[in-house]
């Protein structure tokens, strides 16, 4: 959804250096602020310092798209002393072109993290990808030439591929913001919200609550195919049954046809009409009473599934949800399930979704970030701005480790994980990310957690 709270932040389990004492024990005191990092690009007044609560862990291992606009000039830091102890990290974002507004919001979020976690030896090199693979490759070349030891971003999968080809040749790891798992691996880590994990979590929860027969409908695009692949795997692993699958054109103006098919409406409607015809003309009281009951029905017969996953969000989800009861898919009989795309304010405005379940990061840690962002920048952040925050905070923490190798695969993919603005997360050996997800239930005005996210990855493993 791009695709991200209260006490945030990547806390490296293996941080043993005395310089991390304040950070790990509860954050740096506002009365003794840390030296500010160098940020090569637009900056704002620092937000308030964040409290930090470490995730309990066992003993850690030893440390050792459209025509792009003319590219804007994004200033970068000029390196004059390669051995001065400065740690340089690059942030590659679409700061011009179609996604320039999103890129600026991600830059804002990254700066918020650095003002709280980075020291004066940390330099963030901001480079504009222009929202294209070619621009991303050029940005990566510039960043590596400027001495970047780690790259954060880019945002979109195609741009990640462009930057990754350059970064791999130079041996520089990349923490990308994409939700496409196909870009991960060989030094590239994805921090985006992976839809497959969300589907697995909600299906497992529903199965534990007695749901056996599942159906799903998804857009006919890369996202929908990813969801359906994960759906089939998750239902099979949970011991459930797949009753029906439907895909639809995401660019359509009317979703009536696919909802009618999902509702098996024609058959159930005809069954009702046949039954009414059979009862009509009969004079006995039982037949008359049965006919009276049928007058209040649209269709007759139960659906072949107990839960329906609708893998979409925004206006398409609203349009589809409005059609469900119209074609007699009764949310009182069929449990509605969703993905992280449901994780938006006002989801309960559509009555058919009220009571539905979906998997998403726990909302508590993120709510604090959203308030702080609003206070500093005067507007609400995009939902996935937390990804840039967490990535920048992680980079700032790792940068303060002793020794020259601060961004090794061993440190980035620490199996104990980190606590972020969207709950706990960690990178797996294949470069994808794993998150601790909660189950939320939709209400009329909001959504509430009905199954908490795990506090540690040991809880997930066990």
Protein backbone atom coordinates (compact mmCIF):
# COMPACT_ATOMS: atom_id res chain seq x y z
CA UNK A 1 0.00 0.00 0.00
CA UNK A 2 2.63 1.86 -1.56
CA UNK A 3 3.21 0.56 0.22
CA UNK A 4 4.82 1.79 5.95
CA UNK A 5 4.48 5.32 14.89
CA UNK A 6 4.85 5.68 18.34
CA UNK A 7 8.27 4.78 19.51
CA UNK A 8 10.18 4.04 16.43
CA UNK A 9 13.22 3.15 15.09
CA UNK A 10 15.56 0.68 13.81
CA UNK A 11 17.45 -0.38 16.86
CA UNK A 12 20.36 -2.55 15.94
CA UNK A 13 20.42 -5.51 18.32
CA UNK A 14 24.15 -5.83 17.97
CA UNK A 15 25.03 -2.23 18.83
CA UNK A 16 27.57 -2.58 21.63
CA UNK A 17 29.51 0.65 21.14
CA UNK A 18 29.27 3.14 24.00
CA UNK A 19 28.15 5.74 21.47
CA UNK A 20 24.79 3.96 21.31
CA UNK A 21 24.08 4.15 25.02
CA UNK A 22 21.58 6.99 24.84
CA UNK A 23 19.95 5.69 21.67
CA UNK A 24 19.32 2.20 22.97
CA UNK A 25 18.37 3.17 26.51
CA UNK A 26 15.68 5.62 25.51
CA UNK A 27 16.79 8.20 23.00
CA UNK A 28 19.06 11.19 23.16
CA UNK A 29 18.08 13.87 25.60
CA UNK A 30 16.58 17.02 24.10
CA UNK A 31 18.80 19.00 26.45
CA UNK A 32 21.89 17.47 24.91
CA UNK A 33 21.13 17.26 21.16
CA UNK A 34 23.51 15.34 18.91
CA UNK A 35 25.59 17.11 16.29
CA UNK A 36 23.50 17.44 13.15
CA UNK A 37 24.16 15.32 10.06
CA UNK A 38 25.00 16.88 6.74
CA UNK A 39 22.12 16.68 4.27
CA UNK A 40 22.80 17.62 0.69
CA UNK A 41 19.45 18.98 -0.31
CA UNK A 42 16.44 20.84 1.07
CA UNK A 43 16.11 20.66 4.82
CA UNK A 44 13.67 21.85 7.45
CA UNK A 45 13.80 22.68 11.14
CA UNK A 46 14.36 19.51 13.16
CA UNK A 47 11.34 17.75 14.61
CA UNK A 48 11.29 16.70 18.26
CA UNK A 49 13.58 13.89 19.40
CA UNK A 50 11.86 10.49 19.54
CA UNK A 51 11.72 8.11 22.45
CA UNK A 52 13.13 4.72 21.60
CA UNK A 53 12.17 1.35 22.99
CA UNK A 54 14.39 -1.57 21.99
CA UNK A 55 12.87 -4.85 20.90
CA UNK A 56 13.78 -7.61 23.42
CA UNK A 57 16.08 -10.07 21.74
CA UNK A 58 18.44 -12.92 22.60
CA UNK A 59 22.18 -12.31 22.60
CA UNK A 60 23.15 -10.91 19.21
CA UNK A 61 25.91 -12.29 17.02
CA UNK A 62 29.28 -10.62 17.46
CA UNK A 63 29.90 -7.40 15.63
CA UNK A 64 32.80 -7.54 13.36
CA UNK A 65 6.22 6.56 -15.15
CA UNK A 66 4.76 9.78 -18.50
CA UNK A 67 7.38 11.95 -20.00
CA UNK A 68 9.72 13.10 -17.23
CA UNK A 69 10.16 16.78 -16.59
CA UNK A 70 13.48 18.42 -17.15
CA UNK A 71 15.66 17.15 -14.28
CA UNK A 72 15.95 19.54 -11.40
CA UNK A 73 19.36 20.39 -10.07
CA UNK A 74 19.68 18.57 -6.76
CA UNK A 75 22.76 19.69 -4.84
CA UNK A 76 25.15 17.03 -3.60
CA UNK A 77 27.97 17.19 -1.16
CA UNK A 78 31.41 17.67 -2.61
CA UNK A 79 33.90 15.29 -1.09
CA UNK A 80 37.20 16.88 -0.21
CA UNK A 81 38.58 14.46 2.33
CA UNK A 82 37.96 10.78 1.57
CA UNK A 83 39.56 9.67 4.84
CA UNK A 84 38.02 12.26 7.19
CA UNK A 85 35.77 9.71 8.92
CA UNK A 86 32.61 10.94 7.23
CA UNK A 87 30.08 8.23 6.41
CA UNK A 88 28.28 9.00 3.16
CA UNK A 89 24.90 7.45 2.32
CA UNK A 90 22.94 8.24 -0.84
CA UNK A 91 19.20 8.74 -1.10
CA UNK A 92 17.85 8.26 -4.63
CA UNK A 93 14.35 9.66 -5.17
CA UNK A 94 12.16 11.05 -7.98
CA UNK A 95 12.53 14.70 -6.98
CA UNK A 96 11.28 15.90 -10.39
CA UNK A 97 8.85 14.55 -12.93
CA UNK A 98 5.57 12.72 -12.39
CA UNK A 99 6.40 11.49 -8.89
CA UNK A 100 8.26 14.56 -7.67
CA UNK A 101 5.79 15.27 -4.88
CA UNK A 102 6.09 11.73 -3.53
CA UNK A 103 9.88 11.93 -3.73
CA UNK A 104 9.91 15.16 -1.72
CA UNK A 105 7.71 13.59 0.97
CA UNK A 106 10.09 10.64 1.26
CA UNK A 107 13.02 13.04 1.53
CA UNK A 108 11.18 14.89 4.31
CA UNK A 109 10.66 11.63 6.20
CA UNK A 110 14.31 10.64 5.82
CA UNK A 111 15.43 14.02 7.16
CA UNK A 112 13.20 13.57 10.22
CA UNK A 113 15.01 10.33 11.03
CA UNK A 114 18.48 11.84 10.57
CA UNK A 115 17.76 14.80 12.83
CA UNK A 116 17.13 12.28 15.62
CA UNK A 117 19.62 9.51 14.90
CA UNK A 118 22.56 10.68 12.82
CA UNK A 119 25.67 12.40 14.11
CA UNK A 120 27.84 15.09 12.54
CA UNK A 121 29.91 12.53 10.62
CA UNK A 122 26.89 11.32 8.66
CA UNK A 123 26.32 12.84 5.21
CA UNK A 124 23.19 12.17 3.17
CA UNK A 125 23.70 12.63 -0.57
CA UNK A 126 20.35 13.29 -2.26
CA UNK A 127 20.12 12.56 -5.98
CA UNK A 128 17.18 12.92 -8.36
CA UNK A 129 16.27 9.79 -10.34
CA UNK A 130 13.76 11.79 -12.44
CA UNK A 131 11.48 8.78 -12.04
CA UNK A 132 13.22 6.78 -14.79
CA UNK A 133 15.55 3.75 -14.84
CA UNK A 134 18.12 5.77 -16.75
CA UNK A 135 17.91 8.58 -14.22
CA UNK A 136 18.28 6.09 -11.38
CA UNK A 137 21.40 4.58 -12.95
CA UNK A 138 22.92 8.04 -13.41
CA UNK A 139 22.05 8.98 -9.83
CA UNK A 140 23.68 5.80 -8.53
CA UNK A 141 26.85 6.53 -10.52
CA UNK A 142 27.02 10.06 -9.12
CA UNK A 143 26.40 8.83 -5.57
CA UNK A 144 29.07 6.15 -5.75
CA UNK A 145 31.48 8.63 -7.30
CA UNK A 146 30.79 10.92 -4.34
CA UNK A 147 31.78 8.13 -1.96
CA UNK A 148 28.40 6.68 -0.93
CA UNK A 149 28.83 3.43 0.98
CA UNK A 150 25.10 2.63 0.99
CA UNK A 151 22.19 3.59 -1.29
CA UNK A 152 18.65 4.17 -0.01
CA UNK A 153 15.92 3.98 -2.67
CA UNK A 154 14.87 4.25 -5.44
CA UNK A 155 11.11 3.95 -5.18
CA UNK A 156 9.81 2.04 -8.22
CA UNK A 157 10.95 -1.45 -9.27
CA UNK A 158 12.20 -0.42 -12.73
CA UNK A 159 14.27 2.35 -11.18
CA UNK A 160 15.66 -0.02 -8.57
CA UNK A 161 16.91 -2.25 -11.37
CA UNK A 162 18.59 0.73 -13.01
CA UNK A 163 20.40 1.74 -9.84
CA UNK A 164 21.17 -1.83 -8.79
CA UNK A 165 23.14 -2.64 -11.93
CA UNK A 166 25.52 0.20 -11.10
CA UNK A 167 25.62 -0.46 -7.35
CA UNK A 168 26.43 -4.15 -7.74
CA UNK A 169 29.44 -3.41 -9.90
CA UNK A 170 30.76 -1.11 -7.19
CA UNK A 171 29.88 -3.46 -4.33
CA UNK A 172 27.55 -0.90 -2.73
CA UNK A 173 24.42 -2.34 -1.05
CA UNK A 174 20.99 -0.91 -1.83
CA UNK A 175 17.99 -0.64 0.51
CA UNK A 176 15.19 -0.02 -1.97
CA UNK A 177 11.67 1.22 -1.29
CA UNK A 178 9.93 -1.04 -3.82
CA UNK A 179 7.30 -3.65 -2.93
CA UNK A 180 8.35 -5.84 -5.85
CA UNK A 181 10.25 -8.82 -4.48
CA UNK A 182 11.72 -9.59 -7.92
CA UNK A 183 14.25 -6.74 -7.55
CA UNK A 184 15.71 -8.16 -4.32
CA UNK A 185 18.89 -10.14 -3.95
CA UNK A 186 22.60 -9.87 -4.67
CA UNK A 187 23.11 -6.82 -2.51
CA UNK A 188 19.66 -5.28 -3.01
CA UNK A 189 17.21 -5.27 -0.10
CA UNK A 190 13.54 -4.29 -0.43
CA UNK A 191 11.85 -2.45 2.43
CA UNK A 192 8.45 -2.02 0.76
CA UNK A 193 5.28 -3.70 2.00
CA UNK A 194 5.06 -7.10 0.32
CA UNK A 195 1.46 -8.09 -0.53
CA UNK A 196 2.19 -11.81 -0.35
CA UNK A 197 3.05 -11.56 3.35
CA UNK A 198 -0.16 -9.65 4.06
CA UNK A 199 -2.23 -12.30 2.31
CA UNK A 200 -0.51 -15.13 4.18
CA UNK A 201 -1.17 -13.43 7.52
CA UNK A 202 -4.88 -12.75 6.97
CA UNK A 203 -5.57 -16.19 5.48
CA UNK A 204 -3.85 -17.92 8.41
CA UNK A 205 -5.86 -15.82 10.87
CA UNK A 206 -9.16 -16.55 9.10
CA UNK A 207 -8.39 -20.26 9.00
CA UNK A 208 -7.68 -20.23 12.74
CA UNK A 209 -11.12 -18.66 13.21
CA UNK A 210 -12.83 -21.52 11.39
CA UNK A 211 -12.99 -20.27 7.81
CA UNK A 212 -12.55 -23.20 5.41
CA UNK A 213 -13.72 -22.13 1.94
CA UNK A 214 -12.03 -19.10 0.40
CA UNK A 215 -12.59 -16.99 -2.71
CA UNK A 216 -10.61 -14.06 -4.09
CA UNK A 217 -10.93 -11.32 -6.65
CA UNK A 218 -7.99 -9.22 -7.79
CA UNK A 219 -7.01 -6.79 -10.54
CA UNK A 220 -5.46 -8.26 -13.66
CA UNK A 221 -2.04 -6.68 -13.18
CA UNK A 222 1.28 -7.49 -11.53
CA UNK A 223 -0.05 -6.68 -8.06
CA UNK A 224 -3.12 -8.85 -8.52
CA UNK A 225 -1.11 -11.77 -9.84
CA UNK A 226 1.23 -11.53 -6.87
CA UNK A 227 -1.72 -11.53 -4.50
CA UNK A 228 -3.38 -14.52 -6.15
CA UNK A 229 -0.15 -16.53 -6.14
CA UNK A 230 0.21 -15.81 -2.44
CA UNK A 231 -3.47 -16.57 -1.88
CA UNK A 232 -3.25 -20.02 -3.45
CA UNK A 233 -0.14 -20.86 -1.47
CA UNK A 234 -1.54 -19.53 1.81
CA UNK A 235 -4.87 -21.32 1.55
CA UNK A 236 -3.16 -24.60 0.72
CA UNK A 237 -0.69 -24.26 3.57
CA UNK A 238 -3.48 -23.42 6.03
CA UNK A 239 -5.52 -26.45 5.03
CA UNK A 240 -8.35 -24.49 3.44
CA UNK A 241 -10.20 -24.82 0.13
CA UNK A 242 -10.25 -22.42 -2.81
CA UNK A 243 -13.82 -22.09 -4.06
CA UNK A 244 -13.47 -19.35 -6.69
CA UNK A 245 -10.99 -16.91 -8.23
CA UNK A 246 -11.87 -13.89 -10.35
CA UNK A 247 -9.72 -11.22 -12.02
CA UNK A 248 -10.91 -7.92 -13.48
CA UNK A 249 -9.63 -5.10 -15.62
CA UNK A 250 -8.27 -2.46 -13.21
CA UNK A 251 -8.99 0.26 -15.80
CA UNK A 252 -12.66 -0.62 -16.15
CA UNK A 253 -15.37 1.89 -15.29
CA UNK A 254 -17.88 -0.75 -14.20
CA UNK A 255 -17.15 -3.88 -12.14
CA UNK A 256 -20.70 -5.27 -12.23
CA UNK A 257 -19.83 -8.23 -14.46
CA UNK A 258 -17.06 -9.60 -12.26
CA UNK A 259 -19.11 -9.15 -9.09
CA UNK A 260 -22.11 -10.90 -10.71
CA UNK A 261 -19.84 -13.82 -11.58
CA UNK A 262 -18.35 -13.88 -8.09
CA UNK A 263 -21.89 -13.91 -6.66
CA UNK A 264 -23.03 -16.71 -9.00
CA UNK A 265 -25.93 -14.33 -9.37
CA UNK A 266 -27.63 -15.65 -12.51
CA UNK A 267 -27.87 -19.23 -11.23
CA UNK A 268 -29.01 -18.21 -7.74
CA UNK A 269 -31.54 -15.74 -9.16
CA UNK A 270 -33.00 -18.36 -11.48
CA UNK A 271 -33.17 -20.85 -8.61
CA UNK A 272 -35.27 -18.34 -6.69
CA UNK A 273 -37.59 -17.69 -9.64
CA UNK A 274 -38.08 -21.42 -10.20
CA UNK A 275 -38.95 -21.97 -6.57
CA UNK A 276 -41.44 -19.09 -6.54
CA UNK A 277 -43.07 -20.39 -9.72
CA UNK A 278 -43.47 -23.80 -8.13
CA UNK A 279 -45.18 -22.32 -5.07
CA UNK A 280 -47.42 -19.90 -6.93
CA UNK A 281 -50.98 -21.10 -7.27
CA UNK A 282 -50.78 -23.44 -4.29
CA UNK A 283 -53.47 -22.74 -1.72
CA UNK A 284 -52.10 -24.52 1.34
CA UNK A 285 -50.84 -22.36 4.18
CA UNK A 286 -47.32 -23.83 4.16
CA UNK A 287 -46.82 -22.94 0.50
CA UNK A 288 -48.25 -19.45 0.98
CA UNK A 289 -45.93 -18.80 3.93
CA UNK A 290 -42.92 -20.07 1.97
CA UNK A 291 -43.80 -17.87 -0.99
CA UNK A 292 -44.14 -14.84 1.28
CA UNK A 293 -40.66 -15.46 2.62
CA UNK A 294 -39.22 -15.70 -0.88
CA UNK A 295 -40.66 -12.32 -1.85
CA UNK A 296 -38.00 -10.63 0.31
CA UNK A 297 -35.08 -12.43 -1.36
CA UNK A 298 -32.97 -11.52 -4.38
CA UNK A 299 -31.48 -14.96 -4.86
CA UNK A 300 -31.71 -18.42 -3.40
CA UNK A 301 -28.93 -20.72 -2.27
CA UNK A 302 -25.71 -20.23 -0.37
CA UNK A 303 -22.44 -19.15 -1.90
CA UNK A 304 -19.69 -21.80 -2.14
CA UNK A 305 -17.28 -19.81 0.05
CA UNK A 306 -17.11 -18.48 3.62
CA UNK A 307 -14.65 -15.64 3.02
CA UNK A 308 -13.89 -13.36 0.08
CA UNK A 309 -10.54 -11.61 -0.37
CA UNK A 310 -10.85 -8.35 -2.31
CA UNK A 311 -7.30 -7.37 -3.26
CA UNK A 312 -7.64 -3.70 -4.05
CA UNK A 313 -7.89 -0.28 -2.50
CA UNK A 314 -9.02 3.29 -3.05
CA UNK A 315 -11.86 4.07 -5.48
CA UNK A 316 -11.80 0.62 -7.09
CA UNK A 317 -12.34 -1.04 -3.72
CA UNK A 318 -15.21 1.32 -2.94
CA UNK A 319 -16.85 0.63 -6.29
CA UNK A 320 -16.52 -3.13 -5.91
CA UNK A 321 -17.67 -3.13 -2.29
CA UNK A 322 -20.82 -1.18 -3.17
CA UNK A 323 -21.77 -3.91 -5.67
CA UNK A 324 -21.33 -6.86 -3.30
CA UNK A 325 -24.66 -6.58 -1.43
CA UNK A 326 -26.40 -5.43 -4.64
CA UNK A 327 -25.63 -8.85 -6.11
CA UNK A 328 -26.46 -10.58 -2.84
CA UNK A 329 -23.00 -11.30 -1.45
CA UNK A 330 -24.03 -10.78 2.15
CA UNK A 331 -21.16 -9.61 4.43
CA UNK A 332 -23.12 -11.06 7.36
CA UNK A 333 -22.62 -14.50 5.85
CA UNK A 334 -19.33 -14.02 3.95
CA UNK A 335 -16.31 -12.62 5.80
CA UNK A 336 -14.60 -9.90 3.78
CA UNK A 337 -10.80 -10.05 3.72
CA UNK A 338 -8.33 -7.48 2.48
CA UNK A 339 -4.68 -6.68 1.89
CA UNK A 340 -2.59 -3.76 3.06
CA UNK A 341 -4.34 -1.59 0.46
CA UNK A 342 -7.25 -1.48 2.89
CA UNK A 343 -5.01 0.30 5.40
CA UNK A 344 -6.36 3.78 4.70
CA UNK A 345 -8.50 6.22 6.72
CA UNK A 346 -12.22 5.96 6.05
CA UNK A 347 -12.17 2.34 4.90
CA UNK A 348 -15.41 1.72 6.81
CA UNK A 349 -17.37 4.31 4.82
CA UNK A 350 -18.51 1.46 2.59
CA UNK A 351 -20.91 -0.68 4.72
CA UNK A 352 -20.05 -3.94 2.96
CA UNK A 353 -16.48 -3.74 4.30
CA UNK A 354 -17.44 -3.15 7.93
CA UNK A 355 -16.43 -6.22 9.93
CA UNK A 356 -13.83 -7.24 7.37
CA UNK A 357 -10.30 -8.31 8.31
CA UNK A 358 -6.99 -7.28 6.79
CA UNK A 359 -3.30 -7.58 7.66
CA UNK A 360 -1.12 -4.50 8.04
CA UNK A 361 1.68 -3.10 10.20
CA UNK A 362 0.52 -2.13 13.71
CA UNK A 363 -0.93 1.41 13.62
CA UNK A 364 0.44 2.55 16.99
CA UNK A 365 4.08 3.31 16.06
CA UNK A 366 3.04 4.95 12.77
CA UNK A 367 0.53 7.33 14.35
CA UNK A 368 3.27 9.17 16.20
CA UNK A 369 5.26 9.60 13.00
CA UNK A 370 2.24 10.97 11.15
CA UNK A 371 1.61 13.57 13.84
CA UNK A 372 5.25 14.63 13.91
CA UNK A 373 5.38 14.89 10.12
CA UNK A 374 2.22 17.01 10.13
CA UNK A 375 3.66 19.29 12.80
CA UNK A 376 6.91 19.83 10.89
CA UNK A 377 5.73 20.00 7.28
CA UNK A 378 2.13 21.16 7.66
CA UNK A 379 0.59 18.27 5.76
CA UNK A 380 -0.10 14.58 6.16
CA UNK A 381 2.58 12.19 4.83
CA UNK A 382 1.86 9.55 2.21
CA UNK A 383 1.22 6.14 3.73
CA UNK A 384 4.61 4.73 2.72
CA UNK A 385 6.72 7.65 3.95
CA UNK A 386 7.59 5.51 6.95
CA UNK A 387 9.73 3.35 4.64
CA UNK A 388 12.09 6.25 3.97
CA UNK A 389 12.13 7.11 7.67
CA UNK A 390 13.02 3.58 8.73
CA UNK A 391 15.68 3.21 6.02
CA UNK A 392 17.37 6.49 6.96
CA UNK A 393 17.26 5.70 10.66
CA UNK A 394 18.75 2.26 10.05
CA UNK A 395 21.53 3.77 7.94
CA UNK A 396 22.27 6.36 10.65
CA UNK A 397 22.50 3.69 13.34
CA UNK A 398 24.73 1.39 11.30
CA UNK A 399 26.94 4.33 10.33
CA UNK A 400 27.94 4.82 13.95
CA UNK A 401 29.27 1.30 14.38
CA UNK A 402 33.04 0.97 14.83
CA UNK A 403 35.23 -0.16 11.97
CA UNK A 404 35.14 0.48 8.24
CA UNK A 405 32.55 -2.17 7.29
CA UNK A 406 29.29 -0.78 8.63
CA UNK A 407 26.97 -1.84 5.81
CA UNK A 408 27.77 -5.52 5.41
CA UNK A 409 25.13 -8.11 4.56
CA UNK A 410 25.56 -9.57 8.03
CA UNK A 411 24.65 -6.29 9.72
CA UNK A 412 21.88 -5.26 7.34
CA UNK A 413 20.26 -8.71 7.41
CA UNK A 414 20.55 -9.13 11.17
CA UNK A 415 18.11 -11.98 11.93
CA UNK A 416 16.98 -10.28 15.15
CA UNK A 417 15.58 -7.42 13.09
CA UNK A 418 14.80 -3.82 13.95
CA UNK A 419 11.90 -1.86 15.47
CA UNK A 420 10.53 0.71 13.03
CA UNK A 421 7.69 3.12 12.49
CA UNK A 422 5.68 0.22 11.06
CA UNK A 423 6.62 -2.29 13.74
CA UNK A 424 9.41 -4.84 13.63
CA UNK A 425 11.11 -5.71 10.36
CA UNK A 426 14.14 -7.59 9.13
CA UNK A 427 15.80 -8.46 5.85
CA UNK A 428 15.93 -12.10 4.80
CA UNK A 429 18.91 -13.67 3.04
CA UNK A 430 17.16 -13.30 -0.34
CA UNK A 431 16.93 -9.52 0.15
CA UNK A 432 13.19 -9.34 0.82
CA UNK A 433 11.86 -7.93 4.06
CA UNK A 434 9.77 -9.63 6.70
CA UNK A 435 7.47 -7.64 8.96
CA UNK A 436 5.48 -8.27 12.08
CA UNK A 437 1.89 -7.72 10.92
CA UNK A 438 -1.29 -7.17 12.92
CA UNK A 439 -4.83 -8.15 11.97
CA UNK A 440 -7.26 -5.23 11.90
CA UNK A 441 -11.05 -5.24 11.69
CA UNK A 442 -12.90 -2.53 9.81
CA UNK A 443 -15.38 -0.41 11.73
CA UNK A 444 -17.58 2.43 10.51
CA UNK A 445 -15.14 5.19 11.44
CA UNK A 446 -11.83 3.39 11.80
CA UNK A 447 -10.12 0.03 12.06
CA UNK A 448 -9.05 -1.69 15.27
CA UNK A 449 -6.41 -4.30 15.98
CA UNK A 450 -8.00 -7.64 16.83
CA UNK A 451 -4.80 -9.71 16.69
CA UNK A 452 -1.60 -7.96 17.73
CA UNK A 453 1.58 -7.91 15.70
CA UNK A 454 4.43 -9.95 17.20
CA UNK A 455 6.90 -8.05 19.36
CA UNK A 456 9.91 -10.11 18.24
CA UNK A 457 10.81 -12.39 15.37
CA UNK A 458 11.40 -15.17 17.86
CA UNK A 459 7.64 -15.06 18.48
CA UNK A 460 7.01 -15.60 14.75
CA UNK A 461 9.57 -18.41 14.53
CA UNK A 462 8.20 -20.15 17.59
